[in-house]
Amino acid sequence: MKISKVAKAGTLESNDVFIMVSPNEDNTVDIKLESIVMKQFGEQILKVIEETLKDLKVESVSLKAQDKGALDYTIRARVETAIKRAMES
């Protein structure tokens, strides 16, 4: 899937995650994560984001995530929504 524009999903509210995706000229997946639970769950959050991108067949994207304690299913939903919005014309 090709990302054609900047898109966002989610909020900065407690138990949510804010995701912003944009095209990546390097044709790589670049993930930047900020989380209030980085020490405890940072690796798991990154794993969920990476798996979701892989499932959506995204090979080139710049993704910024600001996590406020979201559960896995919320992270998946926000990433998927942002990616789909970024592909709309």
PDB file of N, CA and C in Angstrom:
ATOM      1  N   MET A   1       0.843  -1.181   0.000  1.00  0.00           N
ATOM      2  CA  MET A   1       0.000   0.000   0.000  1.00  0.00           C
ATOM      3  C   MET A   1       0.885   1.240   0.000  1.00  0.00           C
ATOM      4  N   LYS A   2       0.457   2.226  -0.759  1.00  0.00           N
ATOM      5  CA  LYS A   2       1.231   3.461  -0.878  1.00  0.00           C
ATOM      6  C   LYS A   2       0.551   4.581  -0.108  1.00  0.00           C
ATOM      7  N   ILE A   3       1.311   5.212   0.762  1.00  0.00           N
ATOM      8  CA  ILE A   3       0.812   6.340   1.538  1.00  0.00           C
ATOM      9  C   ILE A   3       0.960   7.590   0.673  1.00  0.00           C
ATOM     10  N   SER A   4      -0.137   8.301   0.447  1.00  0.00           N
ATOM     11  CA  SER A   4      -0.087   9.444  -0.459  1.00  0.00           C
ATOM     12  C   SER A   4      -0.175  10.797   0.238  1.00  0.00           C
ATOM     13  N   LYS A   5      -0.585  10.809   1.513  1.00  0.00           N
ATOM     14  CA  LYS A   5      -0.708  12.089   2.215  1.00  0.00           C
ATOM     15  C   LYS A   5      -0.615  11.868   3.720  1.00  0.00           C
ATOM     16  N   VAL A   6      -0.528  12.964   4.448  1.00  0.00           N
ATOM     17  CA  VAL A   6      -0.490  12.910   5.908  1.00  0.00           C
ATOM     18  C   VAL A   6      -1.894  12.614   6.424  1.00  0.00           C
ATOM     19  N   ALA A   7      -1.979  11.737   7.421  1.00  0.00           N
ATOM     20  CA  ALA A   7      -3.274  11.421   8.029  1.00  0.00           C
ATOM     21  C   ALA A   7      -3.082  11.155   9.514  1.00  0.00           C
ATOM     22  N   LYS A   8      -4.157  11.350  10.267  1.00  0.00           N
ATOM     23  CA  LYS A   8      -4.115  11.188  11.723  1.00  0.00           C
ATOM     24  C   LYS A   8      -5.293  10.354  12.189  1.00  0.00           C
ATOM     25  N   ALA A   9      -5.102   9.732  13.350  1.00  0.00           N
ATOM     26  CA  ALA A   9      -6.195   9.000  13.996  1.00  0.00           C
ATOM     27  C   ALA A   9      -5.923   8.974  15.491  1.00  0.00           C
ATOM     28  N   GLY A  10      -6.979   8.970  16.276  1.00  0.00           N
ATOM     29  CA  GLY A  10      -6.840   8.878  17.719  1.00  0.00           C
ATOM     30  C   GLY A  10      -6.809  10.234  18.400  1.00  0.00           C
ATOM     31  N   THR A  11      -6.611  10.183  19.727  1.00  0.00           N
ATOM     32  CA  THR A  11      -6.578  11.396  20.543  1.00  0.00           C
ATOM     33  C   THR A  11      -5.434  11.288  21.549  1.00  0.00           C
ATOM     34  N   LEU A  12      -5.254  12.347  22.307  1.00  0.00           N
ATOM     35  CA  LEU A  12      -4.258  12.344  23.378  1.00  0.00           C
ATOM     36  C   LEU A  12      -4.918  12.120  24.738  1.00  0.00           C
ATOM     37  N   GLU A  13      -6.134  11.594  24.713  1.00  0.00           N
ATOM     38  CA  GLU A  13      -6.851  11.279  25.947  1.00  0.00           C
ATOM     39  C   GLU A  13      -6.252  10.041  26.608  1.00  0.00           C
ATOM     40  N   SER A  14      -6.526   9.870  27.870  1.00  0.00           N
ATOM     41  CA  SER A  14      -6.069   8.694  28.603  1.00  0.00           C
ATOM     42  C   SER A  14      -6.618   7.426  27.954  1.00  0.00           C
ATOM     43  N   ASN A  15      -5.821   6.377  27.919  1.00  0.00           N
ATOM     44  CA  ASN A  15      -6.183   5.074  27.347  1.00  0.00           C
ATOM     45  C   ASN A  15      -6.398   5.113  25.834  1.00  0.00           C
ATOM     46  N   ASP A  16      -5.789   6.078  25.157  1.00  0.00           N
ATOM     47  CA  ASP A  16      -5.881   6.167  23.701  1.00  0.00           C
ATOM     48  C   ASP A  16      -4.475   6.359  23.144  1.00  0.00           C
ATOM     49  N   VAL A  17      -4.377   6.373  21.835  1.00  0.00           N
ATOM     50  CA  VAL A  17      -3.097   6.611  21.166  1.00  0.00           C
ATOM     51  C   VAL A  17      -3.359   7.527  19.977  1.00  0.00           C
ATOM     52  N   PHE A  18      -2.479   8.500  19.773  1.00  0.00           N
ATOM     53  CA  PHE A  18      -2.567   9.408  18.636  1.00  0.00           C
ATOM     54  C   PHE A  18      -1.552   8.942  17.606  1.00  0.00           C
ATOM     55  N   ILE A  19      -2.023   8.667  16.404  1.00  0.00           N
ATOM     56  CA  ILE A  19      -1.172   8.169  15.321  1.00  0.00           C
ATOM     57  C   ILE A  19      -1.170   9.188  14.188  1.00  0.00           C
ATOM     58  N   MET A  20       0.024   9.525  13.697  1.00  0.00           N
ATOM     59  CA  MET A  20       0.150  10.375  12.517  1.00  0.00           C
ATOM     60  C   MET A  20       1.059   9.666  11.523  1.00  0.00           C
ATOM     61  N   VAL A  21       0.567   9.494  10.305  1.00  0.00           N
ATOM     62  CA  VAL A  21       1.353   8.841   9.259  1.00  0.00           C
ATOM     63  C   VAL A  21       1.577   9.821   8.113  1.00  0.00           C
ATOM     64  N   SER A  22       2.712   9.650   7.448  1.00  0.00           N
ATOM     65  CA  SER A  22       3.032  10.480   6.292  1.00  0.00           C
ATOM     66  C   SER A  22       3.895   9.676   5.334  1.00  0.00           C
ATOM     67  N   PRO A  23       3.939  10.109   4.068  1.00  0.00           N
ATOM     68  CA  PRO A  23       4.781   9.399   3.101  1.00  0.00           C
ATOM     69  C   PRO A  23       6.244   9.438   3.541  1.00  0.00           C
ATOM     70  N   ASN A  24       6.981   8.391   3.222  1.00  0.00           N
ATOM     71  CA  ASN A  24       8.398   8.312   3.551  1.00  0.00           C
ATOM     72  C   ASN A  24       9.179   8.189   2.249  1.00  0.00           C
ATOM     73  N   GLU A  25       9.956   9.194   1.942  1.00  0.00           N
ATOM     74  CA  GLU A  25      10.707   9.217   0.683  1.00  0.00           C
ATOM     75  C   GLU A  25      11.800   8.150   0.627  1.00  0.00           C
ATOM     76  N   ASP A  26      12.211   7.633   1.785  1.00  0.00           N
ATOM     77  CA  ASP A  26      13.266   6.614   1.837  1.00  0.00           C
ATOM     78  C   ASP A  26      12.757   5.213   1.522  1.00  0.00           C
ATOM     79  N   ASN A  27      11.441   5.076   1.325  1.00  0.00           N
ATOM     80  CA  ASN A  27      10.830   3.761   1.076  1.00  0.00           C
ATOM     81  C   ASN A  27      11.130   2.765   2.186  1.00  0.00           C
ATOM     82  N   THR A  28      11.058   3.237   3.419  1.00  0.00           N
ATOM     83  CA  THR A  28      11.243   2.387   4.591  1.00  0.00           C
ATOM     84  C   THR A  28      10.101   2.654   5.565  1.00  0.00           C
ATOM     85  N   VAL A  29      10.018   1.826   6.577  1.00  0.00           N
ATOM     86  CA  VAL A  29       9.056   2.036   7.655  1.00  0.00           C
ATOM     87  C   VAL A  29       9.813   2.680   8.811  1.00  0.00           C
ATOM     88  N   ASP A  30       9.428   3.908   9.145  1.00  0.00           N
ATOM     89  CA  ASP A  30      10.073   4.661  10.216  1.00  0.00           C
ATOM     90  C   ASP A  30       9.035   4.911  11.306  1.00  0.00           C
ATOM     91  N   ILE A  31       9.257   4.346  12.487  1.00  0.00           N
ATOM     92  CA  ILE A  31       8.298   4.470  13.590  1.00  0.00           C
ATOM     93  C   ILE A  31       8.952   5.227  14.736  1.00  0.00           C
ATOM     94  N   LYS A  32       8.272   6.282  15.187  1.00  0.00           N
ATOM     95  CA  LYS A  32       8.717   7.027  16.360  1.00  0.00           C
ATOM     96  C   LYS A  32       7.611   6.899  17.405  1.00  0.00           C
ATOM     97  N   LEU A  33       7.971   6.420  18.581  1.00  0.00           N
ATOM     98  CA  LEU A  33       6.986   6.150  19.630  1.00  0.00           C
ATOM     99  C   LEU A  33       7.307   6.927  20.892  1.00  0.00           C
ATOM    100  N   GLU A  34       6.286   7.599  21.421  1.00  0.00           N
ATOM    101  CA  GLU A  34       6.342   8.202  22.746  1.00  0.00           C
ATOM    102  C   GLU A  34       5.221   7.548  23.546  1.00  0.00           C
ATOM    103  N   SER A  35       5.529   7.127  24.771  1.00  0.00           N
ATOM    104  CA  SER A  35       4.503   6.450  25.563  1.00  0.00           C
ATOM    105  C   SER A  35       4.722   6.694  27.047  1.00  0.00           C
ATOM    106  N   ILE A  36       3.615   6.827  27.769  1.00  0.00           N
ATOM    107  CA  ILE A  36       3.705   6.973  29.216  1.00  0.00           C
ATOM    108  C   ILE A  36       4.060   5.643  29.876  1.00  0.00           C
ATOM    109  N   VAL A  37       3.959   4.565  29.122  1.00  0.00           N
ATOM    110  CA  VAL A  37       4.291   3.232  29.647  1.00  0.00           C
ATOM    111  C   VAL A  37       5.415   2.595  28.822  1.00  0.00           C
ATOM    112  N   MET A  38       6.328   3.427  28.331  1.00  0.00           N
ATOM    113  CA  MET A  38       7.396   2.953  27.448  1.00  0.00           C
ATOM    114  C   MET A  38       8.237   1.853  28.097  1.00  0.00           C
ATOM    115  N   LYS A  39       8.623   2.034  29.333  1.00  0.00           N
ATOM    116  CA  LYS A  39       9.484   1.041  29.994  1.00  0.00           C
ATOM    117  C   LYS A  39       8.795  -0.312  30.131  1.00  0.00           C
ATOM    118  N   GLN A  40       7.517  -0.310  30.452  1.00  0.00           N
ATOM    119  CA  GLN A  40       6.796  -1.562  30.659  1.00  0.00           C
ATOM    120  C   GLN A  40       6.323  -2.197  29.352  1.00  0.00           C
ATOM    121  N   PHE A  41       5.826  -1.392  28.420  1.00  0.00           N
ATOM    122  CA  PHE A  41       5.140  -1.941  27.251  1.00  0.00           C
ATOM    123  C   PHE A  41       5.638  -1.419  25.908  1.00  0.00           C
ATOM    124  N   GLY A  42       6.736  -0.682  25.884  1.00  0.00           N
ATOM    125  CA  GLY A  42       7.244  -0.102  24.642  1.00  0.00           C
ATOM    126  C   GLY A  42       7.466  -1.125  23.544  1.00  0.00           C
ATOM    127  N   GLU A  43       8.100  -2.249  23.881  1.00  0.00           N
ATOM    128  CA  GLU A  43       8.361  -3.290  22.881  1.00  0.00           C
ATOM    129  C   GLU A  43       7.067  -3.881  22.332  1.00  0.00           C
ATOM    130  N   GLN A  44       6.090  -4.103  23.206  1.00  0.00           N
ATOM    131  CA  GLN A  44       4.805  -4.661  22.777  1.00  0.00           C
ATOM    132  C   GLN A  44       4.062  -3.684  21.868  1.00  0.00           C
ATOM    133  N   ILE A  45       4.092  -2.403  22.206  1.00  0.00           N
ATOM    134  CA  ILE A  45       3.421  -1.399  21.376  1.00  0.00           C
ATOM    135  C   ILE A  45       4.046  -1.367  19.983  1.00  0.00           C
ATOM    136  N   LEU A  46       5.376  -1.356  19.921  1.00  0.00           N
ATOM    137  CA  LEU A  46       6.068  -1.366  18.626  1.00  0.00           C
ATOM    138  C   LEU A  46       5.726  -2.616  17.829  1.00  0.00           C
ATOM    139  N   LYS A  47       5.649  -3.753  18.517  1.00  0.00           N
ATOM    140  CA  LYS A  47       5.310  -5.015  17.852  1.00  0.00           C
ATOM    141  C   LYS A  47       3.911  -4.940  17.236  1.00  0.00           C
ATOM    142  N   VAL A  48       2.950  -4.404  17.972  1.00  0.00           N
ATOM    143  CA  VAL A  48       1.576  -4.280  17.472  1.00  0.00           C
ATOM    144  C   VAL A  48       1.536  -3.355  16.252  1.00  0.00           C
ATOM    145  N   ILE A  49       2.246  -2.233  16.320  1.00  0.00           N
ATOM    146  CA  ILE A  49       2.277  -1.300  15.189  1.00  0.00           C
ATOM    147  C   ILE A  49       2.900  -1.969  13.971  1.00  0.00           C
ATOM    148  N   GLU A  50       4.046  -2.625  14.163  1.00  0.00           N
ATOM    149  CA  GLU A  50       4.740  -3.287  13.049  1.00  0.00           C
ATOM    150  C   GLU A  50       3.891  -4.391  12.428  1.00  0.00           C
ATOM    151  N   GLU A  51       3.229  -5.201  13.259  1.00  0.00           N
ATOM    152  CA  GLU A  51       2.376  -6.276  12.744  1.00  0.00           C
ATOM    153  C   GLU A  51       1.190  -5.714  11.960  1.00  0.00           C
ATOM    154  N   THR A  52       0.614  -4.628  12.450  1.00  0.00           N
ATOM    155  CA  THR A  52      -0.521  -4.015  11.760  1.00  0.00           C
ATOM    156  C   THR A  52      -0.092  -3.478  10.399  1.00  0.00           C
ATOM    157  N   LEU A  53       1.054  -2.816  10.347  1.00  0.00           N
ATOM    158  CA  LEU A  53       1.565  -2.315   9.067  1.00  0.00           C
ATOM    159  C   LEU A  53       1.847  -3.468   8.109  1.00  0.00           C
ATOM    160  N   LYS A  54       2.397  -4.552   8.634  1.00  0.00           N
ATOM    161  CA  LYS A  54       2.686  -5.725   7.801  1.00  0.00           C
ATOM    162  C   LYS A  54       1.388  -6.331   7.263  1.00  0.00           C
ATOM    163  N   ASP A  55       0.373  -6.454   8.127  1.00  0.00           N
ATOM    164  CA  ASP A  55      -0.924  -6.995   7.705  1.00  0.00           C
ATOM    165  C   ASP A  55      -1.560  -6.140   6.604  1.00  0.00           C
ATOM    166  N   LEU A  56      -1.334  -4.828   6.670  1.00  0.00           N
ATOM    167  CA  LEU A  56      -1.887  -3.905   5.674  1.00  0.00           C
ATOM    168  C   LEU A  56      -0.979  -3.774   4.450  1.00  0.00           C
ATOM    169  N   LYS A  57       0.143  -4.497   4.469  1.00  0.00           N
ATOM    170  CA  LYS A  57       1.112  -4.492   3.359  1.00  0.00           C
ATOM    171  C   LYS A  57       1.692  -3.102   3.100  1.00  0.00           C
ATOM    172  N   VAL A  58       1.959  -2.375   4.187  1.00  0.00           N
ATOM    173  CA  VAL A  58       2.583  -1.054   4.092  1.00  0.00           C
ATOM    174  C   VAL A  58       4.092  -1.246   4.185  1.00  0.00           C
ATOM    175  N   GLU A  59       4.796  -0.802   3.153  1.00  0.00           N
ATOM    176  CA  GLU A  59       6.249  -0.979   3.107  1.00  0.00           C
ATOM    177  C   GLU A  59       7.009   0.331   3.200  1.00  0.00           C
ATOM    178  N   SER A  60       6.303   1.458   3.112  1.00  0.00           N
ATOM    179  CA  SER A  60       6.951   2.763   3.165  1.00  0.00           C
ATOM    180  C   SER A  60       6.038   3.746   3.881  1.00  0.00           C
ATOM    181  N   VAL A  61       6.448   4.163   5.089  1.00  0.00           N
ATOM    182  CA  VAL A  61       5.641   5.105   5.865  1.00  0.00           C
ATOM    183  C   VAL A  61       6.496   5.704   6.978  1.00  0.00           C
ATOM    184  N   SER A  62       6.179   6.918   7.323  1.00  0.00           N
ATOM    185  CA  SER A  62       6.733   7.543   8.515  1.00  0.00           C
ATOM    186  C   SER A  62       5.577   7.630   9.505  1.00  0.00           C
ATOM    187  N   LEU A  63       5.709   6.989  10.651  1.00  0.00           N
ATOM    188  CA  LEU A  63       4.618   6.910  11.621  1.00  0.00           C
ATOM    189  C   LEU A  63       5.090   7.450  12.962  1.00  0.00           C
ATOM    190  N   LYS A  64       4.298   8.362  13.522  1.00  0.00           N
ATOM    191  CA  LYS A  64       4.567   8.891  14.858  1.00  0.00           C
ATOM    192  C   LYS A  64       3.405   8.486  15.749  1.00  0.00           C
ATOM    193  N   ALA A  65       3.718   7.898  16.893  1.00  0.00           N
ATOM    194  CA  ALA A  65       2.687   7.446  17.825  1.00  0.00           C
ATOM    195  C   ALA A  65       2.921   8.082  19.187  1.00  0.00           C
ATOM    196  N   GLN A  66       1.861   8.656  19.752  1.00  0.00           N
ATOM    197  CA  GLN A  66       1.900   9.188  21.103  1.00  0.00           C
ATOM    198  C   GLN A  66       0.880   8.393  21.910  1.00  0.00           C
ATOM    199  N   ASP A  67       1.387   7.490  22.721  1.00  0.00           N
ATOM    200  CA  ASP A  67       0.532   6.559  23.459  1.00  0.00           C
ATOM    201  C   ASP A  67       0.243   7.073  24.862  1.00  0.00           C
ATOM    202  N   LYS A  68      -1.007   6.938  25.263  1.00  0.00           N
ATOM    203  CA  LYS A  68      -1.435   7.316  26.610  1.00  0.00           C
ATOM    204  C   LYS A  68      -2.023   6.115  27.342  1.00  0.00           C
ATOM    205  N   GLY A  69      -1.464   4.938  27.079  1.00  0.00           N
ATOM    206  CA  GLY A  69      -1.908   3.735  27.770  1.00  0.00           C
ATOM    207  C   GLY A  69      -2.955   2.935  27.022  1.00  0.00           C
ATOM    208  N   ALA A  70      -2.956   3.027  25.697  1.00  0.00           N
ATOM    209  CA  ALA A  70      -3.943   2.308  24.885  1.00  0.00           C
ATOM    210  C   ALA A  70      -3.696   0.806  24.900  1.00  0.00           C
ATOM    211  N   LEU A  71      -4.764   0.043  24.807  1.00  0.00           N
ATOM    212  CA  LEU A  71      -4.664  -1.409  24.692  1.00  0.00           C
ATOM    213  C   LEU A  71      -4.364  -1.786  23.246  1.00  0.00           C
ATOM    214  N   ASP A  72      -3.924  -3.027  23.041  1.00  0.00           N
ATOM    215  CA  ASP A  72      -3.505  -3.488  21.712  1.00  0.00           C
ATOM    216  C   ASP A  72      -4.561  -3.250  20.638  1.00  0.00           C
ATOM    217  N   TYR A  73      -5.814  -3.587  20.926  1.00  0.00           N
ATOM    218  CA  TYR A  73      -6.856  -3.454  19.901  1.00  0.00           C
ATOM    219  C   TYR A  73      -7.078  -1.991  19.518  1.00  0.00           C
ATOM    220  N   THR A  74      -6.892  -1.083  20.457  1.00  0.00           N
ATOM    221  CA  THR A  74      -7.021   0.342  20.156  1.00  0.00           C
ATOM    222  C   THR A  74      -5.878   0.799  19.259  1.00  0.00           C
ATOM    223  N   ILE A  75      -4.675   0.343  19.563  1.00  0.00           N
ATOM    224  CA  ILE A  75      -3.508   0.696  18.748  1.00  0.00           C
ATOM    225  C   ILE A  75      -3.704   0.205  17.323  1.00  0.00           C
ATOM    226  N   ARG A  76      -4.131  -1.053  17.175  1.00  0.00           N
ATOM    227  CA  ARG A  76      -4.378  -1.610  15.836  1.00  0.00           C
ATOM    228  C   ARG A  76      -5.404  -0.772  15.068  1.00  0.00           C
ATOM    229  N   ALA A  77      -6.500  -0.451  15.725  1.00  0.00           N
ATOM    230  CA  ALA A  77      -7.575   0.303  15.071  1.00  0.00           C
ATOM    231  C   ALA A  77      -7.106   1.690  14.648  1.00  0.00           C
ATOM    232  N   ARG A  78      -6.346   2.356  15.491  1.00  0.00           N
ATOM    233  CA  ARG A  78      -5.858   3.703  15.166  1.00  0.00           C
ATOM    234  C   ARG A  78      -4.857   3.671  14.013  1.00  0.00           C
ATOM    235  N   VAL A  79      -3.952   2.695  14.013  1.00  0.00           N
ATOM    236  CA  VAL A  79      -2.981   2.576  12.922  1.00  0.00           C
ATOM    237  C   VAL A  79      -3.713   2.300  11.615  1.00  0.00           C
ATOM    238  N   GLU A  80      -4.643   1.356  11.642  1.00  0.00           N
ATOM    239  CA  GLU A  80      -5.391   1.006  10.431  1.00  0.00           C
ATOM    240  C   GLU A  80      -6.178   2.199   9.897  1.00  0.00           C
ATOM    241  N   THR A  81      -6.829   2.938  10.778  1.00  0.00           N
ATOM    242  CA  THR A  81      -7.604   4.107  10.360  1.00  0.00           C
ATOM    243  C   THR A  81      -6.707   5.170   9.738  1.00  0.00           C
ATOM    244  N   ALA A  82      -5.578   5.457  10.371  1.00  0.00           N
ATOM    245  CA  ALA A  82      -4.658   6.466   9.832  1.00  0.00           C
ATOM    246  C   ALA A  82      -4.136   6.058   8.460  1.00  0.00           C
ATOM    247  N   ILE A  83      -3.786   4.786   8.302  1.00  0.00           N
ATOM    248  CA  ILE A  83      -3.279   4.299   7.015  1.00  0.00           C
ATOM    249  C   ILE A  83      -4.357   4.428   5.938  1.00  0.00           C
ATOM    250  N   LYS A  84      -5.572   4.027   6.244  1.00  0.00           N
ATOM    251  CA  LYS A  84      -6.652   4.111   5.252  1.00  0.00           C
ATOM    252  C   LYS A  84      -6.958   5.559   4.881  1.00  0.00           C
ATOM    253  N   ARG A  85      -6.894   6.458   5.853  1.00  0.00           N
ATOM    254  CA  ARG A  85      -7.110   7.877   5.557  1.00  0.00           C
ATOM    255  C   ARG A  85      -5.985   8.428   4.675  1.00  0.00           C
ATOM    256  N   ALA A  86      -4.778   7.953   4.884  1.00  0.00           N
ATOM    257  CA  ALA A  86      -3.621   8.437   4.117  1.00  0.00           C
ATOM    258  C   ALA A  86      -3.655   7.971   2.669  1.00  0.00           C
ATOM    259  N   MET A  87      -4.440   6.946   2.386  1.00  0.00           N
ATOM    260  CA  MET A  87      -4.518   6.415   1.025  1.00  0.00           C
ATOM    261  C   MET A  87      -5.707   6.971   0.252  1.00  0.00           C
ATOM    262  N   GLU A  88      -6.620   7.663   0.920  1.00  0.00           N
ATOM    263  CA  GLU A  88      -7.776   8.233   0.237  1.00  0.00           C
ATOM    264  C   GLU A  88      -7.333   9.377  -0.658  1.00  0.00           C
ATOM    265  N   SER A  89      -8.051   9.562  -1.751  1.00  0.00           N
ATOM    266  CA  SER A  89      -7.680  10.664  -2.663  1.00  0.00           C
ATOM    267  C   SER A  89      -8.517  11.897  -2.432  1.00  0.00           C
TER     268      SER A  89
END
